[in-house]
Amino acid sequence: MKTKRKNNEDTRLLPFCVIKAAAEGDILAIHKVLNHYEGYITSLSVRKMKDKFGNVHYCVDETLRQRLQSKLLMTILNFKLIR
């Protein structure tokens, strides 16, 4: 069974030149990488919360989101390109 892939901007890979520039510390390239993974980081940061009446709410845990962004940033800056 074949699966169809979407051909929109969200499913594309980051170009190598952007990854290389981000690993070298280029601020604009780092922002492109962070923006590319923003939706994924947000989806990982969603937590189920209950209010005092027992109602369930889903919300983004901002502390976790910031920690994931920081971890990605550190990984970008420590990334070594192998040729």
PDB file of N, CA and C in Angstrom:
ATOM      1  N   MET A   1       0.838  -1.176   0.000  1.00  0.00           N
ATOM      2  CA  MET A   1       0.000   0.000   0.000  1.00  0.00           C
ATOM      3  C   MET A   1       0.885   1.243   0.000  1.00  0.00           C
ATOM      4  N   LYS A   2       0.619   2.140  -0.914  1.00  0.00           N
ATOM      5  CA  LYS A   2       1.391   3.371  -1.001  1.00  0.00           C
ATOM      6  C   LYS A   2       0.768   4.447  -0.128  1.00  0.00           C
ATOM      7  N   THR A   3       1.630   5.253   0.450  1.00  0.00           N
ATOM      8  CA  THR A   3       1.140   6.395   1.213  1.00  0.00           C
ATOM      9  C   THR A   3       1.473   7.657   0.447  1.00  0.00           C
ATOM     10  N   LYS A   4       0.568   8.596   0.505  1.00  0.00           N
ATOM     11  CA  LYS A   4       0.775   9.862  -0.186  1.00  0.00           C
ATOM     12  C   LYS A   4       1.468  10.842   0.744  1.00  0.00           C
ATOM     13  N   ARG A   5       2.414  11.569   0.205  1.00  0.00           N
ATOM     14  CA  ARG A   5       3.105  12.594   0.972  1.00  0.00           C
ATOM     15  C   ARG A   5       2.594  13.952   0.548  1.00  0.00           C
ATOM     16  N   LYS A   6       2.484  14.826   1.495  1.00  0.00           N
ATOM     17  CA  LYS A   6       2.070  16.190   1.199  1.00  0.00           C
ATOM     18  C   LYS A   6       3.257  16.949   0.621  1.00  0.00           C
ATOM     19  N   ASN A   7       3.009  17.762  -0.365  1.00  0.00           N
ATOM     20  CA  ASN A   7       4.056  18.587  -0.950  1.00  0.00           C
ATOM     21  C   ASN A   7       3.892  20.027  -0.509  1.00  0.00           C
ATOM     22  N   ASN A   8       3.831  20.244   0.776  1.00  0.00           N
ATOM     23  CA  ASN A   8       3.749  21.616   1.256  1.00  0.00           C
ATOM     24  C   ASN A   8       5.024  21.967   2.012  1.00  0.00           C
ATOM     25  N   GLU A   9       5.108  23.184   2.440  1.00  0.00           N
ATOM     26  CA  GLU A   9       6.315  23.711   3.070  1.00  0.00           C
ATOM     27  C   GLU A   9       6.651  22.987   4.373  1.00  0.00           C
ATOM     28  N   ASP A  10       5.640  22.513   5.096  1.00  0.00           N
ATOM     29  CA  ASP A  10       5.876  21.917   6.406  1.00  0.00           C
ATOM     30  C   ASP A  10       6.575  20.570   6.344  1.00  0.00           C
ATOM     31  N   THR A  11       6.447  19.826   5.250  1.00  0.00           N
ATOM     32  CA  THR A  11       7.020  18.490   5.193  1.00  0.00           C
ATOM     33  C   THR A  11       8.382  18.460   4.517  1.00  0.00           C
ATOM     34  N   ARG A  12       8.874  19.563   4.066  1.00  0.00           N
ATOM     35  CA  ARG A  12      10.167  19.600   3.393  1.00  0.00           C
ATOM     36  C   ARG A  12      11.300  19.567   4.402  1.00  0.00           C
ATOM     37  N   LEU A  13      12.405  19.000   3.962  1.00  0.00           N
ATOM     38  CA  LEU A  13      13.603  18.986   4.790  1.00  0.00           C
ATOM     39  C   LEU A  13      14.305  20.332   4.695  1.00  0.00           C
ATOM     40  N   LEU A  14      15.075  20.631   5.707  1.00  0.00           N
ATOM     41  CA  LEU A  14      15.875  21.849   5.665  1.00  0.00           C
ATOM     42  C   LEU A  14      17.016  21.665   4.673  1.00  0.00           C
ATOM     43  N   PRO A  15      17.325  22.679   3.884  1.00  0.00           N
ATOM     44  CA  PRO A  15      18.454  22.571   2.958  1.00  0.00           C
ATOM     45  C   PRO A  15      19.776  22.433   3.717  1.00  0.00           C
ATOM     46  N   PHE A  16      20.721  21.748   3.094  1.00  0.00           N
ATOM     47  CA  PHE A  16      22.021  21.531   3.718  1.00  0.00           C
ATOM     48  C   PHE A  16      22.715  22.848   4.034  1.00  0.00           C
ATOM     49  N   CYS A  17      22.578  23.835   3.146  1.00  0.00           N
ATOM     50  CA  CYS A  17      23.256  25.115   3.366  1.00  0.00           C
ATOM     51  C   CYS A  17      22.739  25.807   4.630  1.00  0.00           C
ATOM     52  N   VAL A  18      21.459  25.637   4.948  1.00  0.00           N
ATOM     53  CA  VAL A  18      20.897  26.222   6.171  1.00  0.00           C
ATOM     54  C   VAL A  18      21.455  25.503   7.395  1.00  0.00           C
ATOM     55  N   ILE A  19      21.524  24.177   7.324  1.00  0.00           N
ATOM     56  CA  ILE A  19      22.071  23.406   8.444  1.00  0.00           C
ATOM     57  C   ILE A  19      23.534  23.758   8.669  1.00  0.00           C
ATOM     58  N   LYS A  20      24.288  23.870   7.585  1.00  0.00           N
ATOM     59  CA  LYS A  20      25.712  24.212   7.689  1.00  0.00           C
ATOM     60  C   LYS A  20      25.889  25.595   8.297  1.00  0.00           C
ATOM     61  N   ALA A  21      25.104  26.564   7.823  1.00  0.00           N
ATOM     62  CA  ALA A  21      25.209  27.928   8.347  1.00  0.00           C
ATOM     63  C   ALA A  21      24.806  27.982   9.817  1.00  0.00           C
ATOM     64  N   ALA A  22      23.785  27.231  10.199  1.00  0.00           N
ATOM     65  CA  ALA A  22      23.351  27.208  11.601  1.00  0.00           C
ATOM     66  C   ALA A  22      24.424  26.591  12.485  1.00  0.00           C
ATOM     67  N   ALA A  23      25.062  25.536  12.011  1.00  0.00           N
ATOM     68  CA  ALA A  23      26.127  24.895  12.789  1.00  0.00           C
ATOM     69  C   ALA A  23      27.328  25.814  12.950  1.00  0.00           C
ATOM     70  N   GLU A  24      27.509  26.734  11.997  1.00  0.00           N
ATOM     71  CA  GLU A  24      28.606  27.699  12.081  1.00  0.00           C
ATOM     72  C   GLU A  24      28.235  28.925  12.901  1.00  0.00           C
ATOM     73  N   GLY A  25      26.977  29.013  13.354  1.00  0.00           N
ATOM     74  CA  GLY A  25      26.564  30.092  14.243  1.00  0.00           C
ATOM     75  C   GLY A  25      25.813  31.234  13.593  1.00  0.00           C
ATOM     76  N   ASP A  26      25.393  31.089  12.342  1.00  0.00           N
ATOM     77  CA  ASP A  26      24.631  32.139  11.660  1.00  0.00           C
ATOM     78  C   ASP A  26      23.255  32.282  12.321  1.00  0.00           C
ATOM     79  N   ILE A  27      22.953  33.480  12.804  1.00  0.00           N
ATOM     80  CA  ILE A  27      21.726  33.736  13.561  1.00  0.00           C
ATOM     81  C   ILE A  27      20.475  33.487  12.713  1.00  0.00           C
ATOM     82  N   LEU A  28      20.465  33.945  11.474  1.00  0.00           N
ATOM     83  CA  LEU A  28      19.288  33.757  10.615  1.00  0.00           C
ATOM     84  C   LEU A  28      19.037  32.279  10.328  1.00  0.00           C
ATOM     85  N   ALA A  29      20.099  31.531  10.112  1.00  0.00           N
ATOM     86  CA  ALA A  29      19.950  30.097   9.860  1.00  0.00           C
ATOM     87  C   ALA A  29      19.444  29.373  11.103  1.00  0.00           C
ATOM     88  N   ILE A  30      19.919  29.781  12.264  1.00  0.00           N
ATOM     89  CA  ILE A  30      19.446  29.181  13.516  1.00  0.00           C
ATOM     90  C   ILE A  30      17.957  29.450  13.688  1.00  0.00           C
ATOM     91  N   HIS A  31      17.521  30.663  13.368  1.00  0.00           N
ATOM     92  CA  HIS A  31      16.091  30.989  13.457  1.00  0.00           C
ATOM     93  C   HIS A  31      15.272  30.143  12.482  1.00  0.00           C
ATOM     94  N   LYS A  32      15.817  29.886  11.288  1.00  0.00           N
ATOM     95  CA  LYS A  32      15.103  29.039  10.327  1.00  0.00           C
ATOM     96  C   LYS A  32      14.938  27.622  10.868  1.00  0.00           C
ATOM     97  N   VAL A  33      15.984  27.097  11.498  1.00  0.00           N
ATOM     98  CA  VAL A  33      15.906  25.746  12.062  1.00  0.00           C
ATOM     99  C   VAL A  33      14.901  25.712  13.207  1.00  0.00           C
ATOM    100  N   LEU A  34      14.959  26.708  14.092  1.00  0.00           N
ATOM    101  CA  LEU A  34      14.019  26.760  15.210  1.00  0.00           C
ATOM    102  C   LEU A  34      12.581  26.899  14.719  1.00  0.00           C
ATOM    103  N   ASN A  35      12.355  27.721  13.693  1.00  0.00           N
ATOM    104  CA  ASN A  35      11.007  27.872  13.132  1.00  0.00           C
ATOM    105  C   ASN A  35      10.536  26.583  12.462  1.00  0.00           C
ATOM    106  N   HIS A  36      11.467  25.863  11.841  1.00  0.00           N
ATOM    107  CA  HIS A  36      11.116  24.606  11.181  1.00  0.00           C
ATOM    108  C   HIS A  36      10.594  23.584  12.190  1.00  0.00           C
ATOM    109  N   TYR A  37      11.196  23.538  13.361  1.00  0.00           N
ATOM    110  CA  TYR A  37      10.822  22.558  14.383  1.00  0.00           C
ATOM    111  C   TYR A  37       9.849  23.104  15.422  1.00  0.00           C
ATOM    112  N   GLU A  38       9.361  24.325  15.242  1.00  0.00           N
ATOM    113  CA  GLU A  38       8.478  24.949  16.229  1.00  0.00           C
ATOM    114  C   GLU A  38       7.201  24.143  16.472  1.00  0.00           C
ATOM    115  N   GLY A  39       6.566  23.679  15.421  1.00  0.00           N
ATOM    116  CA  GLY A  39       5.336  22.905  15.575  1.00  0.00           C
ATOM    117  C   GLY A  39       5.568  21.587  16.286  1.00  0.00           C
ATOM    118  N   TYR A  40       6.668  20.926  15.955  1.00  0.00           N
ATOM    119  CA  TYR A  40       6.990  19.649  16.598  1.00  0.00           C
ATOM    120  C   TYR A  40       7.280  19.846  18.080  1.00  0.00           C
ATOM    121  N   ILE A  41       8.034  20.888  18.407  1.00  0.00           N
ATOM    122  CA  ILE A  41       8.345  21.184  19.808  1.00  0.00           C
ATOM    123  C   ILE A  41       7.068  21.508  20.572  1.00  0.00           C
ATOM    124  N   THR A  42       6.186  22.278  19.961  1.00  0.00           N
ATOM    125  CA  THR A  42       4.922  22.620  20.616  1.00  0.00           C
ATOM    126  C   THR A  42       4.075  21.375  20.854  1.00  0.00           C
ATOM    127  N   SER A  43       4.023  20.483  19.875  1.00  0.00           N
ATOM    128  CA  SER A  43       3.228  19.262  20.058  1.00  0.00           C
ATOM    129  C   SER A  43       3.814  18.367  21.144  1.00  0.00           C
ATOM    130  N   LEU A  44       5.131  18.365  21.295  1.00  0.00           N
ATOM    131  CA  LEU A  44       5.751  17.597  22.378  1.00  0.00           C
ATOM    132  C   LEU A  44       5.499  18.226  23.740  1.00  0.00           C
ATOM    133  N   SER A  45       5.205  19.520  23.763  1.00  0.00           N
ATOM    134  CA  SER A  45       5.049  20.256  25.016  1.00  0.00           C
ATOM    135  C   SER A  45       3.615  20.284  25.533  1.00  0.00           C
ATOM    136  N   VAL A  46       2.676  19.704  24.814  1.00  0.00           N
ATOM    137  CA  VAL A  46       1.274  19.724  25.245  1.00  0.00           C
ATOM    138  C   VAL A  46       1.089  18.751  26.409  1.00  0.00           C
ATOM    139  N   ARG A  47       0.457  19.254  27.465  1.00  0.00           N
ATOM    140  CA  ARG A  47       0.211  18.454  28.668  1.00  0.00           C
ATOM    141  C   ARG A  47      -1.273  18.478  29.013  1.00  0.00           C
ATOM    142  N   LYS A  48      -1.732  17.388  29.601  1.00  0.00           N
ATOM    143  CA  LYS A  48      -3.120  17.297  30.047  1.00  0.00           C
ATOM    144  C   LYS A  48      -3.194  17.828  31.473  1.00  0.00           C
ATOM    145  N   MET A  49      -4.036  18.833  31.676  1.00  0.00           N
ATOM    146  CA  MET A  49      -4.202  19.444  32.993  1.00  0.00           C
ATOM    147  C   MET A  49      -5.656  19.294  33.436  1.00  0.00           C
ATOM    148  N   LYS A  50      -5.855  19.226  34.729  1.00  0.00           N
ATOM    149  CA  LYS A  50      -7.207  19.189  35.295  1.00  0.00           C
ATOM    150  C   LYS A  50      -7.402  20.415  36.170  1.00  0.00           C
ATOM    151  N   ASP A  51      -8.587  21.033  36.052  1.00  0.00           N
ATOM    152  CA  ASP A  51      -8.896  22.159  36.927  1.00  0.00           C
ATOM    153  C   ASP A  51      -9.494  21.636  38.230  1.00  0.00           C
ATOM    154  N   LYS A  52      -9.888  22.548  39.100  1.00  0.00           N
ATOM    155  CA  LYS A  52     -10.367  22.133  40.420  1.00  0.00           C
ATOM    156  C   LYS A  52     -11.698  21.388  40.367  1.00  0.00           C
ATOM    157  N   PHE A  53     -12.398  21.463  39.224  1.00  0.00           N
ATOM    158  CA  PHE A  53     -13.663  20.754  39.062  1.00  0.00           C
ATOM    159  C   PHE A  53     -13.483  19.400  38.376  1.00  0.00           C
ATOM    160  N   GLY A  54     -12.261  19.056  38.020  1.00  0.00           N
ATOM    161  CA  GLY A  54     -11.987  17.779  37.368  1.00  0.00           C
ATOM    162  C   GLY A  54     -12.080  17.807  35.858  1.00  0.00           C
ATOM    163  N   ASN A  55     -12.302  18.994  35.280  1.00  0.00           N
ATOM    164  CA  ASN A  55     -12.365  19.117  33.824  1.00  0.00           C
ATOM    165  C   ASN A  55     -10.954  19.023  33.246  1.00  0.00           C
ATOM    166  N   VAL A  56     -10.834  18.311  32.141  1.00  0.00           N
ATOM    167  CA  VAL A  56      -9.535  18.110  31.504  1.00  0.00           C
ATOM    168  C   VAL A  56      -9.310  19.192  30.455  1.00  0.00           C
ATOM    169  N   HIS A  57      -8.137  19.783  30.486  1.00  0.00           N
ATOM    170  CA  HIS A  57      -7.725  20.789  29.513  1.00  0.00           C
ATOM    171  C   HIS A  57      -6.339  20.412  29.003  1.00  0.00           C
ATOM    172  N   TYR A  58      -6.104  20.677  27.734  1.00  0.00           N
ATOM    173  CA  TYR A  58      -4.785  20.467  27.159  1.00  0.00           C
ATOM    174  C   TYR A  58      -4.160  21.831  26.934  1.00  0.00           C
ATOM    175  N   CYS A  59      -2.952  21.995  27.409  1.00  0.00           N
ATOM    176  CA  CYS A  59      -2.272  23.277  27.229  1.00  0.00           C
ATOM    177  C   CYS A  59      -0.783  23.032  27.035  1.00  0.00           C
ATOM    178  N   VAL A  60      -0.121  24.044  26.495  1.00  0.00           N
ATOM    179  CA  VAL A  60       1.312  23.963  26.245  1.00  0.00           C
ATOM    180  C   VAL A  60       2.052  24.302  27.531  1.00  0.00           C
ATOM    181  N   ASP A  61       2.925  23.415  27.940  1.00  0.00           N
ATOM    182  CA  ASP A  61       3.789  23.644  29.092  1.00  0.00           C
ATOM    183  C   ASP A  61       4.956  24.508  28.608  1.00  0.00           C
ATOM    184  N   GLU A  62       4.907  25.793  28.924  1.00  0.00           N
ATOM    185  CA  GLU A  62       5.901  26.738  28.411  1.00  0.00           C
ATOM    186  C   GLU A  62       7.311  26.421  28.907  1.00  0.00           C
ATOM    187  N   THR A  63       7.426  25.932  30.119  1.00  0.00           N
ATOM    188  CA  THR A  63       8.745  25.579  30.647  1.00  0.00           C
ATOM    189  C   THR A  63       9.352  24.444  29.837  1.00  0.00           C
ATOM    190  N   LEU A  64       8.562  23.426  29.561  1.00  0.00           N
ATOM    191  CA  LEU A  64       9.041  22.302  28.762  1.00  0.00           C
ATOM    192  C   LEU A  64       9.366  22.748  27.345  1.00  0.00           C
ATOM    193  N   ARG A  65       8.527  23.603  26.762  1.00  0.00           N
ATOM    194  CA  ARG A  65       8.774  24.105  25.401  1.00  0.00           C
ATOM    195  C   ARG A  65      10.095  24.859  25.334  1.00  0.00           C
ATOM    196  N   GLN A  66      10.352  25.708  26.320  1.00  0.00           N
ATOM    197  CA  GLN A  66      11.605  26.460  26.349  1.00  0.00           C
ATOM    198  C   GLN A  66      12.809  25.544  26.552  1.00  0.00           C
ATOM    199  N   ARG A  67      12.645  24.511  27.365  1.00  0.00           N
ATOM    200  CA  ARG A  67      13.737  23.563  27.577  1.00  0.00           C
ATOM    201  C   ARG A  67      14.053  22.800  26.296  1.00  0.00           C
ATOM    202  N   LEU A  68      13.012  22.404  25.554  1.00  0.00           N
ATOM    203  CA  LEU A  68      13.229  21.703  24.290  1.00  0.00           C
ATOM    204  C   LEU A  68      13.885  22.616  23.260  1.00  0.00           C
ATOM    205  N   GLN A  69      13.468  23.880  23.211  1.00  0.00           N
ATOM    206  CA  GLN A  69      14.100  24.836  22.297  1.00  0.00           C
ATOM    207  C   GLN A  69      15.562  25.048  22.662  1.00  0.00           C
ATOM    208  N   SER A  70      15.851  25.151  23.949  1.00  0.00           N
ATOM    209  CA  SER A  70      17.234  25.333  24.394  1.00  0.00           C
ATOM    210  C   SER A  70      18.088  24.127  24.036  1.00  0.00           C
ATOM    211  N   LYS A  71      17.530  22.935  24.213  1.00  0.00           N
ATOM    212  CA  LYS A  71      18.253  21.709  23.872  1.00  0.00           C
ATOM    213  C   LYS A  71      18.541  21.655  22.377  1.00  0.00           C
ATOM    214  N   LEU A  72      17.563  22.039  21.549  1.00  0.00           N
ATOM    215  CA  LEU A  72      17.774  22.074  20.106  1.00  0.00           C
ATOM    216  C   LEU A  72      18.840  23.098  19.749  1.00  0.00           C
ATOM    217  N   LEU A  73      18.801  24.253  20.377  1.00  0.00           N
ATOM    218  CA  LEU A  73      19.795  25.290  20.115  1.00  0.00           C
ATOM    219  C   LEU A  73      21.199  24.808  20.459  1.00  0.00           C
ATOM    220  N   MET A  74      21.356  24.155  21.595  1.00  0.00           N
ATOM    221  CA  MET A  74      22.668  23.633  21.983  1.00  0.00           C
ATOM    222  C   MET A  74      23.130  22.542  21.014  1.00  0.00           C
ATOM    223  N   THR A  75      22.192  21.726  20.542  1.00  0.00           N
ATOM    224  CA  THR A  75      22.537  20.678  19.587  1.00  0.00           C
ATOM    225  C   THR A  75      22.969  21.279  18.255  1.00  0.00           C
ATOM    226  N   ILE A  76      22.308  22.341  17.832  1.00  0.00           N
ATOM    227  CA  ILE A  76      22.684  23.017  16.585  1.00  0.00           C
ATOM    228  C   ILE A  76      24.104  23.555  16.692  1.00  0.00           C
ATOM    229  N   LEU A  77      24.400  24.229  17.788  1.00  0.00           N
ATOM    230  CA  LEU A  77      25.712  24.852  17.938  1.00  0.00           C
ATOM    231  C   LEU A  77      26.829  23.833  18.133  1.00  0.00           C
ATOM    232  N   ASN A  78      26.518  22.655  18.666  1.00  0.00           N
ATOM    233  CA  ASN A  78      27.528  21.607  18.862  1.00  0.00           C
ATOM    234  C   ASN A  78      27.584  20.615  17.710  1.00  0.00           C
ATOM    235  N   PHE A  79      26.760  20.818  16.677  1.00  0.00           N
ATOM    236  CA  PHE A  79      26.674  19.886  15.558  1.00  0.00           C
ATOM    237  C   PHE A  79      27.942  19.958  14.722  1.00  0.00           C
ATOM    238  N   LYS A  80      28.530  18.800  14.465  1.00  0.00           N
ATOM    239  CA  LYS A  80      29.747  18.720  13.650  1.00  0.00           C
ATOM    240  C   LYS A  80      29.408  18.084  12.308  1.00  0.00           C
ATOM    241  N   LEU A  81      29.747  18.777  11.239  1.00  0.00           N
ATOM    242  CA  LEU A  81      29.510  18.262   9.895  1.00  0.00           C
ATOM    243  C   LEU A  81      30.635  17.309   9.513  1.00  0.00           C
ATOM    244  N   ILE A  82      30.266  16.158   8.961  1.00  0.00           N
ATOM    245  CA  ILE A  82      31.247  15.171   8.523  1.00  0.00           C
ATOM    246  C   ILE A  82      31.241  15.154   7.005  1.00  0.00           C
ATOM    247  N   ARG A  83      32.405  15.272   6.432  1.00  0.00           N
ATOM    248  CA  ARG A  83      32.516  15.254   4.967  1.00  0.00           C
ATOM    249  C   ARG A  83      33.294  14.068   4.516  1.00  0.00           C
TER     250      ARG A  83
END
